[in-house]
Amino acid sequence: MEERNTLQKTIIHRTLCNMRGQHPTATAVYTEVHKDHPTISRSTVYRVLARMAEEGKILRLELAASDTRYDGQTMPHSHVRCRVCGTVADIPAVEMRAPSATAGFTLEDCTVIYRGLCPACRKAEAF
């Protein structure tokens, strides 16, 4: 059973990495996995993605007004999301320092997500 789980994890991770730049939802990853591996269940894909994100093997993107998305690229970078169509893209990370006042919180992580207009939506708005 462990061997199958390892194979499933490998397939799911490889699929996510092959979707580089798309920042897919778990449903989108499942759809891609299911094409070549119909025996891997939706719940397995969701569970494996969640576990890999907890382990730091992939990134979980929690975007406002959007389903959770995943990113196989774990090198430091930021994201930009189109305010019209919701497309998400990678952009280079900028150096950030922790604020001096934290309202008593112990800071653990920081995610930068810019909002803007993608080239396609910008072009559509020009007409």
N, C-alpha and C. Protein backbone atom coordinates (compact mmCIF):
# COMPACT_ATOMS: atom_id res chain seq x y z
N MET A 1 0.83 -1.20 0.00
CA MET A 1 0.00 0.00 0.00
C MET A 1 0.87 1.26 0.00
N GLU A 2 1.95 1.25 0.76
CA GLU A 2 2.84 2.43 0.82
C GLU A 2 3.42 2.74 -0.56
N GLU A 3 3.78 1.70 -1.31
CA GLU A 3 4.34 1.92 -2.64
C GLU A 3 3.33 2.64 -3.53
N ARG A 4 2.07 2.24 -3.48
CA ARG A 4 1.04 2.89 -4.28
C ARG A 4 0.90 4.35 -3.88
N ASN A 5 0.88 4.61 -2.58
CA ASN A 5 0.77 5.98 -2.11
C ASN A 5 1.94 6.82 -2.59
N THR A 6 3.15 6.25 -2.55
CA THR A 6 4.32 6.97 -3.03
C THR A 6 4.19 7.25 -4.52
N LEU A 7 3.71 6.29 -5.28
CA LEU A 7 3.51 6.49 -6.71
C LEU A 7 2.45 7.56 -6.95
N GLN A 8 1.38 7.53 -6.20
CA GLN A 8 0.33 8.54 -6.35
C GLN A 8 0.87 9.94 -6.03
N LYS A 9 1.65 10.05 -4.96
CA LYS A 9 2.24 11.34 -4.60
C LYS A 9 3.14 11.85 -5.71
N THR A 10 3.93 10.95 -6.28
CA THR A 10 4.83 11.33 -7.37
C THR A 10 4.04 11.81 -8.58
N ILE A 11 2.99 11.10 -8.93
CA ILE A 11 2.16 11.47 -10.08
C ILE A 11 1.51 12.83 -9.85
N ILE A 12 0.97 13.05 -8.67
CA ILE A 12 0.30 14.31 -8.36
C ILE A 12 1.29 15.46 -8.35
N HIS A 13 2.45 15.26 -7.75
CA HIS A 13 3.47 16.32 -7.71
C HIS A 13 3.97 16.63 -9.12
N ARG A 14 4.23 15.61 -9.91
CA ARG A 14 4.70 15.81 -11.28
C ARG A 14 3.65 16.56 -12.10
N THR A 15 2.39 16.20 -11.92
CA THR A 15 1.31 16.88 -12.64
C THR A 15 1.27 18.35 -12.27
N LEU A 16 1.33 18.67 -10.99
CA LEU A 16 1.32 20.06 -10.56
C LEU A 16 2.50 20.82 -11.16
N CYS A 17 3.69 20.22 -11.11
CA CYS A 17 4.88 20.89 -11.65
C CYS A 17 4.78 21.08 -13.16
N ASN A 18 4.12 20.16 -13.85
CA ASN A 18 3.92 20.30 -15.29
C ASN A 18 2.92 21.40 -15.63
N MET A 19 2.15 21.81 -14.64
CA MET A 19 1.17 22.90 -14.82
C MET A 19 1.78 24.23 -14.39
N ARG A 20 3.09 24.29 -14.40
CA ARG A 20 3.82 25.47 -13.94
C ARG A 20 3.28 26.74 -14.59
N GLY A 21 3.11 27.73 -13.76
CA GLY A 21 2.63 29.01 -14.25
C GLY A 21 1.11 29.12 -14.25
N GLN A 22 0.41 27.99 -14.07
CA GLN A 22 -1.05 28.02 -14.08
C GLN A 22 -1.65 28.24 -12.70
N HIS A 23 -0.92 27.88 -11.65
CA HIS A 23 -1.40 28.00 -10.28
C HIS A 23 -2.79 27.37 -10.15
N PRO A 24 -2.88 26.06 -10.43
CA PRO A 24 -4.18 25.40 -10.50
C PRO A 24 -4.81 25.16 -9.13
N THR A 25 -6.12 25.01 -9.15
CA THR A 25 -6.86 24.56 -7.98
C THR A 25 -6.64 23.05 -7.85
N ALA A 26 -7.05 22.49 -6.72
CA ALA A 26 -6.97 21.04 -6.55
C ALA A 26 -7.83 20.33 -7.58
N THR A 27 -8.98 20.92 -7.91
CA THR A 27 -9.86 20.33 -8.92
C THR A 27 -9.17 20.27 -10.28
N ALA A 28 -8.45 21.32 -10.64
CA ALA A 28 -7.73 21.34 -11.93
C ALA A 28 -6.62 20.30 -11.94
N VAL A 29 -5.92 20.15 -10.81
CA VAL A 29 -4.87 19.12 -10.73
C VAL A 29 -5.51 17.74 -10.87
N TYR A 30 -6.62 17.52 -10.16
CA TYR A 30 -7.32 16.23 -10.26
C TYR A 30 -7.73 15.95 -11.70
N THR A 31 -8.26 16.94 -12.40
CA THR A 31 -8.69 16.76 -13.78
C THR A 31 -7.53 16.29 -14.65
N GLU A 32 -6.37 16.90 -14.45
CA GLU A 32 -5.19 16.51 -15.24
C GLU A 32 -4.71 15.11 -14.85
N VAL A 33 -4.66 14.82 -13.55
CA VAL A 33 -4.22 13.50 -13.08
C VAL A 33 -5.15 12.42 -13.62
N HIS A 34 -6.44 12.70 -13.56
CA HIS A 34 -7.47 11.72 -13.95
C HIS A 34 -7.37 11.31 -15.42
N LYS A 35 -6.85 12.17 -16.28
CA LYS A 35 -6.73 11.86 -17.71
C LYS A 35 -5.89 10.61 -17.94
N ASP A 36 -4.76 10.51 -17.24
CA ASP A 36 -3.86 9.36 -17.42
C ASP A 36 -3.92 8.34 -16.29
N HIS A 37 -4.52 8.74 -15.16
CA HIS A 37 -4.56 7.86 -13.99
C HIS A 37 -5.95 7.91 -13.36
N PRO A 38 -6.95 7.34 -14.03
CA PRO A 38 -8.33 7.45 -13.56
C PRO A 38 -8.61 6.76 -12.23
N THR A 39 -7.68 5.93 -11.76
CA THR A 39 -7.92 5.25 -10.48
C THR A 39 -7.52 6.12 -9.28
N ILE A 40 -6.85 7.23 -9.51
CA ILE A 40 -6.51 8.13 -8.40
C ILE A 40 -7.73 9.00 -8.11
N SER A 41 -8.21 8.93 -6.90
CA SER A 41 -9.45 9.62 -6.54
C SER A 41 -9.24 11.12 -6.29
N ARG A 42 -10.33 11.83 -6.39
CA ARG A 42 -10.32 13.27 -6.11
C ARG A 42 -9.84 13.52 -4.67
N SER A 43 -10.33 12.73 -3.72
CA SER A 43 -9.94 12.94 -2.32
C SER A 43 -8.45 12.69 -2.11
N THR A 44 -7.88 11.74 -2.85
CA THR A 44 -6.44 11.50 -2.75
C THR A 44 -5.67 12.71 -3.25
N VAL A 45 -6.08 13.28 -4.36
CA VAL A 45 -5.40 14.47 -4.90
C VAL A 45 -5.48 15.62 -3.90
N TYR A 46 -6.66 15.87 -3.36
CA TYR A 46 -6.83 16.95 -2.38
C TYR A 46 -5.96 16.71 -1.14
N ARG A 47 -5.98 15.49 -0.64
CA ARG A 47 -5.21 15.14 0.57
C ARG A 47 -3.70 15.27 0.33
N VAL A 48 -3.24 14.76 -0.80
CA VAL A 48 -1.81 14.81 -1.12
C VAL A 48 -1.36 16.25 -1.30
N LEU A 49 -2.13 17.06 -2.01
CA LEU A 49 -1.75 18.47 -2.19
C LEU A 49 -1.68 19.19 -0.84
N ALA A 50 -2.66 18.96 0.02
CA ALA A 50 -2.67 19.59 1.34
C ALA A 50 -1.46 19.17 2.16
N ARG A 51 -1.14 17.91 2.13
CA ARG A 51 0.01 17.41 2.90
C ARG A 51 1.32 17.97 2.34
N MET A 52 1.46 17.98 1.02
CA MET A 52 2.69 18.52 0.42
C MET A 52 2.86 20.00 0.77
N ALA A 53 1.75 20.74 0.81
CA ALA A 53 1.83 22.16 1.17
C ALA A 53 2.25 22.30 2.63
N GLU A 54 1.70 21.49 3.51
CA GLU A 54 2.08 21.52 4.93
C GLU A 54 3.56 21.20 5.11
N GLU A 55 4.09 20.31 4.27
CA GLU A 55 5.48 19.89 4.36
C GLU A 55 6.42 20.86 3.65
N GLY A 56 5.87 21.87 2.95
CA GLY A 56 6.69 22.85 2.26
C GLY A 56 7.21 22.38 0.90
N LYS A 57 6.67 21.29 0.39
CA LYS A 57 7.11 20.77 -0.91
C LYS A 57 6.47 21.53 -2.06
N ILE A 58 5.33 22.15 -1.80
CA ILE A 58 4.63 23.00 -2.77
C ILE A 58 4.08 24.20 -2.01
N LEU A 59 3.60 25.19 -2.73
CA LEU A 59 3.00 26.36 -2.09
C LEU A 59 1.49 26.28 -2.20
N ARG A 60 0.82 26.70 -1.14
CA ARG A 60 -0.64 26.85 -1.14
C ARG A 60 -0.92 28.34 -1.22
N LEU A 61 -1.67 28.76 -2.22
CA LEU A 61 -2.00 30.17 -2.40
C LEU A 61 -3.43 30.40 -1.95
N GLU A 62 -3.58 31.17 -0.90
CA GLU A 62 -4.90 31.53 -0.38
C GLU A 62 -5.20 32.92 -0.92
N LEU A 63 -5.99 32.99 -1.97
CA LEU A 63 -6.31 34.26 -2.61
C LEU A 63 -7.74 34.66 -2.29
N ALA A 64 -7.94 35.92 -1.98
CA ALA A 64 -9.28 36.40 -1.68
C ALA A 64 -10.22 36.14 -2.85
N ALA A 65 -11.44 35.74 -2.55
CA ALA A 65 -12.47 35.48 -3.56
C ALA A 65 -12.03 34.46 -4.60
N SER A 66 -11.28 33.44 -4.16
CA SER A 66 -10.80 32.42 -5.09
C SER A 66 -10.63 31.11 -4.33
N ASP A 67 -10.76 30.01 -5.06
CA ASP A 67 -10.43 28.72 -4.47
C ASP A 67 -8.94 28.67 -4.18
N THR A 68 -8.55 27.85 -3.23
CA THR A 68 -7.13 27.65 -2.95
C THR A 68 -6.44 27.15 -4.21
N ARG A 69 -5.29 27.72 -4.49
CA ARG A 69 -4.50 27.30 -5.64
C ARG A 69 -3.16 26.78 -5.15
N TYR A 70 -2.48 26.04 -6.01
CA TYR A 70 -1.20 25.44 -5.65
C TYR A 70 -0.14 25.82 -6.65
N ASP A 71 1.10 25.84 -6.16
CA ASP A 71 2.25 26.22 -6.98
C ASP A 71 3.38 25.26 -6.68
N GLY A 72 3.87 24.58 -7.70
CA GLY A 72 4.99 23.65 -7.53
C GLY A 72 6.33 24.35 -7.42
N GLN A 73 6.37 25.63 -7.72
CA GLN A 73 7.60 26.42 -7.65
C GLN A 73 7.77 26.93 -6.22
N THR A 74 8.75 26.40 -5.51
CA THR A 74 8.94 26.77 -4.10
C THR A 74 10.06 27.78 -3.88
N MET A 75 10.78 28.12 -4.93
CA MET A 75 11.81 29.16 -4.79
C MET A 75 11.11 30.47 -4.46
N PRO A 76 11.75 31.36 -3.68
CA PRO A 76 11.08 32.61 -3.30
C PRO A 76 10.62 33.42 -4.51
N HIS A 77 9.36 33.77 -4.51
CA HIS A 77 8.79 34.62 -5.54
C HIS A 77 7.45 35.14 -5.03
N SER A 78 6.91 36.13 -5.71
CA SER A 78 5.62 36.68 -5.36
C SER A 78 4.62 36.34 -6.46
N HIS A 79 3.39 36.76 -6.28
CA HIS A 79 2.35 36.50 -7.26
C HIS A 79 1.58 37.77 -7.56
N VAL A 80 1.00 37.81 -8.75
CA VAL A 80 0.11 38.90 -9.13
C VAL A 80 -1.16 38.26 -9.66
N ARG A 81 -2.30 38.84 -9.27
CA ARG A 81 -3.61 38.29 -9.67
C ARG A 81 -4.40 39.36 -10.40
N CYS A 82 -4.95 39.00 -11.55
CA CYS A 82 -5.75 39.93 -12.33
C CYS A 82 -7.09 40.15 -11.62
N ARG A 83 -7.45 41.41 -11.44
CA ARG A 83 -8.69 41.75 -10.75
C ARG A 83 -9.93 41.46 -11.59
N VAL A 84 -9.76 41.22 -12.89
CA VAL A 84 -10.89 40.94 -13.77
C VAL A 84 -11.09 39.45 -13.97
N CYS A 85 -10.08 38.77 -14.50
CA CYS A 85 -10.24 37.35 -14.86
C CYS A 85 -9.71 36.37 -13.82
N GLY A 86 -8.94 36.87 -12.85
CA GLY A 86 -8.42 35.99 -11.80
C GLY A 86 -7.15 35.26 -12.13
N THR A 87 -6.58 35.48 -13.31
CA THR A 87 -5.32 34.84 -13.67
C THR A 87 -4.26 35.17 -12.63
N VAL A 88 -3.44 34.18 -12.29
CA VAL A 88 -2.35 34.38 -11.33
C VAL A 88 -1.04 34.11 -12.05
N ALA A 89 -0.05 34.97 -11.83
CA ALA A 89 1.27 34.81 -12.46
C ALA A 89 2.35 35.00 -11.42
N ASP A 90 3.50 34.41 -11.69
CA ASP A 90 4.68 34.58 -10.84
C ASP A 90 5.38 35.87 -11.20
N ILE A 91 5.91 36.55 -10.19
CA ILE A 91 6.78 37.71 -10.41
C ILE A 91 7.92 37.61 -9.41
N PRO A 92 9.05 38.25 -9.70
CA PRO A 92 10.19 38.14 -8.79
C PRO A 92 9.85 38.66 -7.39
N ALA A 93 10.45 38.03 -6.41
CA ALA A 93 10.26 38.45 -5.02
C ALA A 93 11.03 39.74 -4.76
N VAL A 94 10.49 40.54 -3.87
CA VAL A 94 11.20 41.73 -3.42
C VAL A 94 11.62 41.49 -1.97
N GLU A 95 12.73 42.09 -1.58
CA GLU A 95 13.20 41.91 -0.21
C GLU A 95 12.28 42.67 0.75
N MET A 96 11.85 41.98 1.78
CA MET A 96 10.98 42.60 2.76
C MET A 96 11.57 42.38 4.15
N ARG A 97 11.39 43.37 5.01
CA ARG A 97 11.81 43.23 6.39
C ARG A 97 10.57 43.10 7.26
N ALA A 98 10.72 42.39 8.36
CA ALA A 98 9.60 42.24 9.29
C ALA A 98 9.31 43.58 9.94
N PRO A 99 8.05 43.89 10.16
CA PRO A 99 7.71 45.15 10.82
C PRO A 99 8.16 45.15 12.27
N SER A 100 8.44 46.32 12.79
CA SER A 100 8.88 46.40 14.19
C SER A 100 7.73 46.17 15.16
N ALA A 101 6.51 46.52 14.79
CA ALA A 101 5.35 46.29 15.63
C ALA A 101 4.52 45.16 15.03
N THR A 102 4.20 44.16 15.83
CA THR A 102 3.48 42.99 15.33
C THR A 102 2.17 42.74 16.06
N ALA A 103 1.69 43.69 16.83
CA ALA A 103 0.44 43.55 17.59
C ALA A 103 0.45 42.31 18.48
N GLY A 104 1.64 41.92 18.93
CA GLY A 104 1.76 40.77 19.81
C GLY A 104 1.88 39.44 19.10
N PHE A 105 1.75 39.44 17.78
CA PHE A 105 1.86 38.20 17.02
C PHE A 105 3.33 37.78 16.89
N THR A 106 3.56 36.49 16.85
CA THR A 106 4.85 35.95 16.46
C THR A 106 4.75 35.69 14.97
N LEU A 107 5.51 36.42 14.18
CA LEU A 107 5.42 36.28 12.72
C LEU A 107 6.06 34.97 12.29
N GLU A 108 5.37 34.28 11.40
CA GLU A 108 5.85 32.99 10.90
C GLU A 108 6.09 32.99 9.39
N ASP A 109 5.33 33.82 8.68
CA ASP A 109 5.40 33.76 7.22
C ASP A 109 4.86 35.06 6.65
N CYS A 110 5.23 35.33 5.41
CA CYS A 110 4.71 36.51 4.71
C CYS A 110 4.54 36.14 3.25
N THR A 111 3.38 36.44 2.71
CA THR A 111 3.10 36.18 1.31
C THR A 111 2.71 37.51 0.66
N VAL A 112 3.36 37.81 -0.47
CA VAL A 112 3.03 39.04 -1.19
C VAL A 112 2.24 38.66 -2.43
N ILE A 113 1.03 39.22 -2.52
CA ILE A 113 0.20 39.00 -3.70
C ILE A 113 -0.24 40.37 -4.20
N TYR A 114 0.24 40.71 -5.37
CA TYR A 114 -0.14 41.98 -5.99
C TYR A 114 -1.43 41.78 -6.75
N ARG A 115 -2.20 42.83 -6.91
CA ARG A 115 -3.41 42.80 -7.72
C ARG A 115 -3.23 43.80 -8.86
N GLY A 116 -3.78 43.47 -10.00
CA GLY A 116 -3.66 44.36 -11.14
C GLY A 116 -4.51 43.87 -12.29
N LEU A 117 -4.10 44.23 -13.46
CA LEU A 117 -4.82 43.89 -14.69
C LEU A 117 -3.86 43.15 -15.61
N CYS A 118 -4.23 41.95 -16.02
CA CYS A 118 -3.37 41.16 -16.90
C CYS A 118 -3.39 41.78 -18.30
N PRO A 119 -2.40 41.42 -19.14
CA PRO A 119 -2.34 42.00 -20.49
C PRO A 119 -3.62 41.79 -21.31
N ALA A 120 -4.23 40.60 -21.24
CA ALA A 120 -5.44 40.33 -22.03
C ALA A 120 -6.61 41.20 -21.56
N CYS A 121 -6.78 41.34 -20.27
CA CYS A 121 -7.90 42.15 -19.75
C CYS A 121 -7.63 43.64 -19.98
N ARG A 122 -6.38 44.04 -19.89
CA ARG A 122 -6.03 45.43 -20.17
C ARG A 122 -6.35 45.76 -21.62
N LYS A 123 -6.03 44.84 -22.52
CA LYS A 123 -6.32 45.04 -23.94
C LYS A 123 -7.83 45.09 -24.19
N ALA A 124 -8.58 44.22 -23.51
CA ALA A 124 -10.04 44.19 -23.67
C ALA A 124 -10.67 45.47 -23.15
N GLU A 125 -10.13 46.03 -22.06
CA GLU A 125 -10.69 47.27 -21.51
C GLU A 125 -10.38 48.48 -22.39
N ALA A 126 -9.35 48.35 -23.22
CA ALA A 126 -8.98 49.47 -24.09
C ALA A 126 -9.99 49.67 -25.21
N PHE A 127 -10.80 48.64 -25.50
CA PHE A 127 -11.78 48.74 -26.59
C PHE A 127 -13.12 49.20 -26.12
